[in-house]
Amino acid sequence: MNSIYRLRSDELTPDFITLLKNSYPHKEIEITIEEVMDETAYLMSSSANRLHLEKSIQNIEAHTNLVSISPDELV
């Protein structure tokens, strides 16, 4: 079984460790810590993405190039 837990470092508690122990009783596990980049920072990290997002924001603000769908089309 594989699991991914995403939480802030200040949310690490003894209860969380207990949860891990109960989820993987008597198993060898590997814990990898990876700092998560803020979604906005990630999307703005490349110039192509940034330009695309800025253009999309301008379109929304100007109410241009918008796509409308009905709720029935979502089903």
PDB file of N, CA and C in Angstrom:
ATOM      1  N   MET A   1       0.848  -1.182   0.000  1.00  0.00           N
ATOM      2  CA  MET A   1       0.000   0.000   0.000  1.00  0.00           C
ATOM      3  C   MET A   1       0.888   1.237   0.000  1.00  0.00           C
ATOM      4  N   ASN A   2       0.533   2.195  -0.841  1.00  0.00           N
ATOM      5  CA  ASN A   2       1.237   3.476  -0.886  1.00  0.00           C
ATOM      6  C   ASN A   2       0.266   4.577  -0.502  1.00  0.00           C
ATOM      7  N   SER A   3       0.769   5.550   0.201  1.00  0.00           N
ATOM      8  CA  SER A   3      -0.053   6.685   0.613  1.00  0.00           C
ATOM      9  C   SER A   3       0.764   7.950   0.490  1.00  0.00           C
ATOM     10  N   ILE A   4       0.079   9.028   0.199  1.00  0.00           N
ATOM     11  CA  ILE A   4       0.709  10.345   0.202  1.00  0.00           C
ATOM     12  C   ILE A   4      -0.076  11.206   1.182  1.00  0.00           C
ATOM     13  N   TYR A   5       0.614  11.776   2.123  1.00  0.00           N
ATOM     14  CA  TYR A   5       0.015  12.689   3.080  1.00  0.00           C
ATOM     15  C   TYR A   5       0.594  14.070   2.789  1.00  0.00           C
ATOM     16  N   ARG A   6      -0.252  15.046   2.597  1.00  0.00           N
ATOM     17  CA  ARG A   6       0.228  16.407   2.378  1.00  0.00           C
ATOM     18  C   ARG A   6      -0.260  17.239   3.546  1.00  0.00           C
ATOM     19  N   LEU A   7       0.678  17.806   4.290  1.00  0.00           N
ATOM     20  CA  LEU A   7       0.325  18.621   5.440  1.00  0.00           C
ATOM     21  C   LEU A   7       1.422  19.616   5.712  1.00  0.00           C
ATOM     22  N   ARG A   8       1.106  20.610   6.493  1.00  0.00           N
ATOM     23  CA  ARG A   8       2.095  21.603   6.899  1.00  0.00           C
ATOM     24  C   ARG A   8       2.899  21.029   8.063  1.00  0.00           C
ATOM     25  N   SER A   9       4.135  21.485   8.180  1.00  0.00           N
ATOM     26  CA  SER A   9       5.012  20.953   9.229  1.00  0.00           C
ATOM     27  C   SER A   9       4.435  21.173  10.621  1.00  0.00           C
ATOM     28  N   ASP A  10       3.674  22.246  10.810  1.00  0.00           N
ATOM     29  CA  ASP A  10       3.096  22.479  12.143  1.00  0.00           C
ATOM     30  C   ASP A  10       1.903  21.568  12.422  1.00  0.00           C
ATOM     31  N   GLU A  11       1.508  20.762  11.427  1.00  0.00           N
ATOM     32  CA  GLU A  11       0.433  19.793  11.634  1.00  0.00           C
ATOM     33  C   GLU A  11       0.972  18.414  12.024  1.00  0.00           C
ATOM     34  N   LEU A  12       2.279  18.261  12.056  1.00  0.00           N
ATOM     35  CA  LEU A  12       2.863  16.995  12.503  1.00  0.00           C
ATOM     36  C   LEU A  12       2.671  16.867  14.009  1.00  0.00           C
ATOM     37  N   THR A  13       1.966  15.832  14.394  1.00  0.00           N
ATOM     38  CA  THR A  13       1.653  15.638  15.809  1.00  0.00           C
ATOM     39  C   THR A  13       1.919  14.183  16.182  1.00  0.00           C
ATOM     40  N   PRO A  14       1.968  13.898  17.459  1.00  0.00           N
ATOM     41  CA  PRO A  14       2.072  12.489  17.869  1.00  0.00           C
ATOM     42  C   PRO A  14       0.915  11.649  17.322  1.00  0.00           C
ATOM     43  N   ASP A  15      -0.263  12.245  17.172  1.00  0.00           N
ATOM     44  CA  ASP A  15      -1.406  11.512  16.605  1.00  0.00           C
ATOM     45  C   ASP A  15      -1.131  11.095  15.170  1.00  0.00           C
ATOM     46  N   PHE A  16      -0.438  11.938  14.422  1.00  0.00           N
ATOM     47  CA  PHE A  16      -0.102  11.596  13.045  1.00  0.00           C
ATOM     48  C   PHE A  16       0.862  10.410  13.009  1.00  0.00           C
ATOM     49  N   ILE A  17       1.839  10.408  13.891  1.00  0.00           N
ATOM     50  CA  ILE A  17       2.777   9.282  13.973  1.00  0.00           C
ATOM     51  C   ILE A  17       2.016   8.007  14.340  1.00  0.00           C
ATOM     52  N   THR A  18       1.083   8.108  15.244  1.00  0.00           N
ATOM     53  CA  THR A  18       0.259   6.955  15.619  1.00  0.00           C
ATOM     54  C   THR A  18      -0.539   6.463  14.415  1.00  0.00           C
ATOM     55  N   LEU A  19      -1.079   7.388  13.631  1.00  0.00           N
ATOM     56  CA  LEU A  19      -1.799   7.019  12.419  1.00  0.00           C
ATOM     57  C   LEU A  19      -0.900   6.226  11.475  1.00  0.00           C
ATOM     58  N   LEU A  20       0.329   6.699  11.283  1.00  0.00           N
ATOM     59  CA  LEU A  20       1.271   5.980  10.419  1.00  0.00           C
ATOM     60  C   LEU A  20       1.572   4.589  10.960  1.00  0.00           C
ATOM     61  N   LYS A  21       1.814   4.505  12.250  1.00  0.00           N
ATOM     62  CA  LYS A  21       2.112   3.212  12.862  1.00  0.00           C
ATOM     63  C   LYS A  21       0.949   2.243  12.700  1.00  0.00           C
ATOM     64  N   ASN A  22      -0.271   2.735  12.867  1.00  0.00           N
ATOM     65  CA  ASN A  22      -1.443   1.875  12.731  1.00  0.00           C
ATOM     66  C   ASN A  22      -1.719   1.499  11.279  1.00  0.00           C
ATOM     67  N   SER A  23      -1.353   2.382  10.359  1.00  0.00           N
ATOM     68  CA  SER A  23      -1.569   2.105   8.942  1.00  0.00           C
ATOM     69  C   SER A  23      -0.586   1.074   8.405  1.00  0.00           C
ATOM     70  N   TYR A  24       0.594   1.025   8.981  1.00  0.00           N
ATOM     71  CA  TYR A  24       1.651   0.121   8.514  1.00  0.00           C
ATOM     72  C   TYR A  24       2.240  -0.652   9.692  1.00  0.00           C
ATOM     73  N   PRO A  25       1.439  -1.487  10.346  1.00  0.00           N
ATOM     74  CA  PRO A  25       1.946  -2.182  11.530  1.00  0.00           C
ATOM     75  C   PRO A  25       3.085  -3.146  11.185  1.00  0.00           C
ATOM     76  N   HIS A  26       4.170  -3.027  11.909  1.00  0.00           N
ATOM     77  CA  HIS A  26       5.324  -3.929  11.800  1.00  0.00           C
ATOM     78  C   HIS A  26       5.913  -3.967  10.391  1.00  0.00           C
ATOM     79  N   LYS A  27       5.767  -2.873   9.638  1.00  0.00           N
ATOM     80  CA  LYS A  27       6.297  -2.789   8.280  1.00  0.00           C
ATOM     81  C   LYS A  27       7.464  -1.821   8.252  1.00  0.00           C
ATOM     82  N   GLU A  28       8.391  -2.079   7.356  1.00  0.00           N
ATOM     83  CA  GLU A  28       9.434  -1.104   7.099  1.00  0.00           C
ATOM     84  C   GLU A  28       8.861  -0.092   6.118  1.00  0.00           C
ATOM     85  N   ILE A  29       8.944   1.179   6.471  1.00  0.00           N
ATOM     86  CA  ILE A  29       8.411   2.227   5.609  1.00  0.00           C
ATOM     87  C   ILE A  29       9.519   3.220   5.286  1.00  0.00           C
ATOM     88  N   GLU A  30       9.299   4.003   4.264  1.00  0.00           N
ATOM     89  CA  GLU A  30      10.235   5.052   3.869  1.00  0.00           C
ATOM     90  C   GLU A  30       9.479   6.373   3.862  1.00  0.00           C
ATOM     91  N   ILE A  31      10.037   7.357   4.525  1.00  0.00           N
ATOM     92  CA  ILE A  31       9.413   8.671   4.582  1.00  0.00           C
ATOM     93  C   ILE A  31      10.313   9.645   3.825  1.00  0.00           C
ATOM     94  N   THR A  32       9.751  10.296   2.815  1.00  0.00           N
ATOM     95  CA  THR A  32      10.471  11.278   2.025  1.00  0.00           C
ATOM     96  C   THR A  32       9.836  12.638   2.278  1.00  0.00           C
ATOM     97  N   ILE A  33      10.657  13.615   2.582  1.00  0.00           N
ATOM     98  CA  ILE A  33      10.156  14.970   2.807  1.00  0.00           C
ATOM     99  C   ILE A  33      10.458  15.791   1.559  1.00  0.00           C
ATOM    100  N   GLU A  34       9.420  16.395   1.010  1.00  0.00           N
ATOM    101  CA  GLU A  34       9.567  17.230  -0.165  1.00  0.00           C
ATOM    102  C   GLU A  34       8.808  18.520   0.085  1.00  0.00           C
ATOM    103  N   GLU A  35       9.494  19.631  -0.003  1.00  0.00           N
ATOM    104  CA  GLU A  35       8.824  20.905   0.192  1.00  0.00           C
ATOM    105  C   GLU A  35       7.917  21.158  -1.006  1.00  0.00           C
ATOM    106  N   VAL A  36       6.661  21.481  -0.728  1.00  0.00           N
ATOM    107  CA  VAL A  36       5.672  21.682  -1.780  1.00  0.00           C
ATOM    108  C   VAL A  36       5.661  23.144  -2.185  1.00  0.00           C
ATOM    109  N   MET A  37       5.788  23.363  -3.495  1.00  0.00           N
ATOM    110  CA  MET A  37       5.750  24.724  -4.010  1.00  0.00           C
ATOM    111  C   MET A  37       4.293  25.188  -4.077  1.00  0.00           C
ATOM    112  N   ASP A  38       4.064  26.400  -3.685  1.00  0.00           N
ATOM    113  CA  ASP A  38       2.747  27.010  -3.811  1.00  0.00           C
ATOM    114  C   ASP A  38       2.288  26.882  -5.261  1.00  0.00           C
ATOM    115  N   GLU A  39       1.016  26.525  -5.465  1.00  0.00           N
ATOM    116  CA  GLU A  39       0.504  26.281  -6.815  1.00  0.00           C
ATOM    117  C   GLU A  39       0.667  27.489  -7.724  1.00  0.00           C
ATOM    118  N   THR A  40       0.396  28.667  -7.197  1.00  0.00           N
ATOM    119  CA  THR A  40       0.531  29.873  -8.011  1.00  0.00           C
ATOM    120  C   THR A  40       1.992  30.106  -8.375  1.00  0.00           C
ATOM    121  N   ALA A  41       2.882  29.935  -7.417  1.00  0.00           N
ATOM    122  CA  ALA A  41       4.313  30.109  -7.695  1.00  0.00           C
ATOM    123  C   ALA A  41       4.781  29.107  -8.739  1.00  0.00           C
ATOM    124  N   TYR A  42       4.288  27.866  -8.642  1.00  0.00           N
ATOM    125  CA  TYR A  42       4.655  26.849  -9.626  1.00  0.00           C
ATOM    126  C   TYR A  42       4.185  27.241 -11.021  1.00  0.00           C
ATOM    127  N   LEU A  43       2.918  27.661 -11.118  1.00  0.00           N
ATOM    128  CA  LEU A  43       2.368  28.021 -12.429  1.00  0.00           C
ATOM    129  C   LEU A  43       3.052  29.250 -13.016  1.00  0.00           C
ATOM    130  N   MET A  44       3.525  30.136 -12.163  1.00  0.00           N
ATOM    131  CA  MET A  44       4.192  31.341 -12.644  1.00  0.00           C
ATOM    132  C   MET A  44       5.698  31.139 -12.834  1.00  0.00           C
ATOM    133  N   SER A  45       6.200  29.926 -12.590  1.00  0.00           N
ATOM    134  CA  SER A  45       7.645  29.700 -12.618  1.00  0.00           C
ATOM    135  C   SER A  45       8.243  29.702 -14.018  1.00  0.00           C
ATOM    136  N   SER A  46       7.445  29.441 -15.028  1.00  0.00           N
ATOM    137  CA  SER A  46       7.990  29.517 -16.390  1.00  0.00           C
ATOM    138  C   SER A  46       7.369  30.717 -17.099  1.00  0.00           C
ATOM    139  N   SER A  47       8.143  31.333 -17.987  1.00  0.00           N
ATOM    140  CA  SER A  47       7.647  32.533 -18.662  1.00  0.00           C
ATOM    141  C   SER A  47       6.464  32.205 -19.566  1.00  0.00           C
ATOM    142  N   ALA A  48       6.461  31.035 -20.204  1.00  0.00           N
ATOM    143  CA  ALA A  48       5.341  30.652 -21.077  1.00  0.00           C
ATOM    144  C   ALA A  48       4.056  30.508 -20.264  1.00  0.00           C
ATOM    145  N   ASN A  49       4.141  29.831 -19.119  1.00  0.00           N
ATOM    146  CA  ASN A  49       2.964  29.680 -18.256  1.00  0.00           C
ATOM    147  C   ASN A  49       2.483  31.030 -17.751  1.00  0.00           C
ATOM    148  N   ARG A  50       3.432  31.857 -17.324  1.00  0.00           N
ATOM    149  CA  ARG A  50       3.087  33.165 -16.777  1.00  0.00           C
ATOM    150  C   ARG A  50       2.347  34.004 -17.829  1.00  0.00           C
ATOM    151  N   LEU A  51       2.860  34.036 -19.058  1.00  0.00           N
ATOM    152  CA  LEU A  51       2.213  34.808 -20.121  1.00  0.00           C
ATOM    153  C   LEU A  51       0.816  34.272 -20.421  1.00  0.00           C
ATOM    154  N   HIS A  52       0.685  32.954 -20.456  1.00  0.00           N
ATOM    155  CA  HIS A  52      -0.613  32.335 -20.710  1.00  0.00           C
ATOM    156  C   HIS A  52      -1.610  32.694 -19.601  1.00  0.00           C
ATOM    157  N   LEU A  53      -1.184  32.603 -18.352  1.00  0.00           N
ATOM    158  CA  LEU A  53      -2.059  32.934 -17.229  1.00  0.00           C
ATOM    159  C   LEU A  53      -2.430  34.409 -17.216  1.00  0.00           C
ATOM    160  N   GLU A  54      -1.455  35.269 -17.486  1.00  0.00           N
ATOM    161  CA  GLU A  54      -1.748  36.704 -17.498  1.00  0.00           C
ATOM    162  C   GLU A  54      -2.750  37.037 -18.608  1.00  0.00           C
ATOM    163  N   LYS A  55      -2.599  36.408 -19.776  1.00  0.00           N
ATOM    164  CA  LYS A  55      -3.536  36.629 -20.879  1.00  0.00           C
ATOM    165  C   LYS A  55      -4.923  36.111 -20.499  1.00  0.00           C
ATOM    166  N   SER A  56      -4.983  34.970 -19.846  1.00  0.00           N
ATOM    167  CA  SER A  56      -6.267  34.417 -19.413  1.00  0.00           C
ATOM    168  C   SER A  56      -6.946  35.334 -18.407  1.00  0.00           C
ATOM    169  N   ILE A  57      -6.193  35.899 -17.501  1.00  0.00           N
ATOM    170  CA  ILE A  57      -6.742  36.832 -16.518  1.00  0.00           C
ATOM    171  C   ILE A  57      -7.290  38.071 -17.221  1.00  0.00           C
ATOM    172  N   GLN A  58      -6.531  38.573 -18.204  1.00  0.00           N
ATOM    173  CA  GLN A  58      -7.007  39.734 -18.968  1.00  0.00           C
ATOM    174  C   GLN A  58      -8.311  39.402 -19.699  1.00  0.00           C
ATOM    175  N   ASN A  59      -8.398  38.202 -20.267  1.00  0.00           N
ATOM    176  CA  ASN A  59      -9.622  37.784 -20.955  1.00  0.00           C
ATOM    177  C   ASN A  59     -10.808  37.738 -20.001  1.00  0.00           C
ATOM    178  N   ILE A  60     -10.591  37.220 -18.824  1.00  0.00           N
ATOM    179  CA  ILE A  60     -11.677  37.145 -17.837  1.00  0.00           C
ATOM    180  C   ILE A  60     -12.118  38.547 -17.436  1.00  0.00           C
ATOM    181  N   GLU A  61     -11.161  39.395 -17.155  1.00  0.00           N
ATOM    182  CA  GLU A  61     -11.503  40.761 -16.742  1.00  0.00           C
ATOM    183  C   GLU A  61     -12.225  41.521 -17.844  1.00  0.00           C
ATOM    184  N   ALA A  62     -11.874  41.246 -19.125  1.00  0.00           N
ATOM    185  CA  ALA A  62     -12.496  41.934 -20.257  1.00  0.00           C
ATOM    186  C   ALA A  62     -13.724  41.188 -20.782  1.00  0.00           C
ATOM    187  N   HIS A  63     -14.016  40.038 -20.186  1.00  0.00           N
ATOM    188  CA  HIS A  63     -15.142  39.200 -20.634  1.00  0.00           C
ATOM    189  C   HIS A  63     -15.027  38.831 -22.112  1.00  0.00           C
ATOM    190  N   THR A  64     -13.814  38.478 -22.530  1.00  0.00           N
ATOM    191  CA  THR A  64     -13.577  38.065 -23.917  1.00  0.00           C
ATOM    192  C   THR A  64     -13.002  36.653 -23.941  1.00  0.00           C
ATOM    193  N   ASN A  65     -13.227  35.971 -25.061  1.00  0.00           N
ATOM    194  CA  ASN A  65     -12.700  34.617 -25.276  1.00  0.00           C
ATOM    195  C   ASN A  65     -13.095  33.651 -24.160  1.00  0.00           C
ATOM    196  N   LEU A  66     -14.305  33.813 -23.646  1.00  0.00           N
ATOM    197  CA  LEU A  66     -14.792  32.933 -22.593  1.00  0.00           C
ATOM    198  C   LEU A  66     -15.597  31.793 -23.213  1.00  0.00           C
ATOM    199  N   VAL A  67     -15.576  30.649 -22.586  1.00  0.00           N
ATOM    200  CA  VAL A  67     -16.348  29.496 -23.035  1.00  0.00           C
ATOM    201  C   VAL A  67     -17.440  29.243 -22.008  1.00  0.00           C
ATOM    202  N   SER A  68     -18.675  29.170 -22.489  1.00  0.00           N
ATOM    203  CA  SER A  68     -19.798  28.907 -21.595  1.00  0.00           C
ATOM    204  C   SER A  68     -20.346  27.511 -21.880  1.00  0.00           C
ATOM    205  N   ILE A  69     -20.660  26.790 -20.819  1.00  0.00           N
ATOM    206  CA  ILE A  69     -21.298  25.480 -20.958  1.00  0.00           C
ATOM    207  C   ILE A  69     -22.434  25.393 -19.963  1.00  0.00           C
ATOM    208  N   SER A  70     -23.411  24.602 -20.325  1.00  0.00           N
ATOM    209  CA  SER A  70     -24.546  24.425 -19.418  1.00  0.00           C
ATOM    210  C   SER A  70     -24.239  23.293 -18.444  1.00  0.00           C
ATOM    211  N   PRO A  71     -24.924  23.254 -17.328  1.00  0.00           N
ATOM    212  CA  PRO A  71     -24.715  22.155 -16.378  1.00  0.00           C
ATOM    213  C   PRO A  71     -24.966  20.783 -17.013  1.00  0.00           C
ATOM    214  N   ASP A  72     -25.896  20.703 -17.973  1.00  0.00           N
ATOM    215  CA  ASP A  72     -26.174  19.436 -18.631  1.00  0.00           C
ATOM    216  C   ASP A  72     -24.974  18.918 -19.420  1.00  0.00           C
ATOM    217  N   GLU A  73     -24.137  19.825 -19.914  1.00  0.00           N
ATOM    218  CA  GLU A  73     -22.956  19.420 -20.678  1.00  0.00           C
ATOM    219  C   GLU A  73     -21.862  18.828 -19.797  1.00  0.00           C
ATOM    220  N   LEU A  74     -21.966  19.031 -18.509  1.00  0.00           N
ATOM    221  CA  LEU A  74     -20.967  18.507 -17.591  1.00  0.00           C
ATOM    222  C   LEU A  74     -21.197  17.037 -17.253  1.00  0.00           C
ATOM    223  N   VAL A  75     -22.368  16.552 -17.565  1.00  0.00           N
ATOM    224  CA  VAL A  75     -22.717  15.185 -17.212  1.00  0.00           C
ATOM    225  C   VAL A  75     -22.382  14.239 -18.316  1.00  0.00           C
TER     226      VAL A  75
END
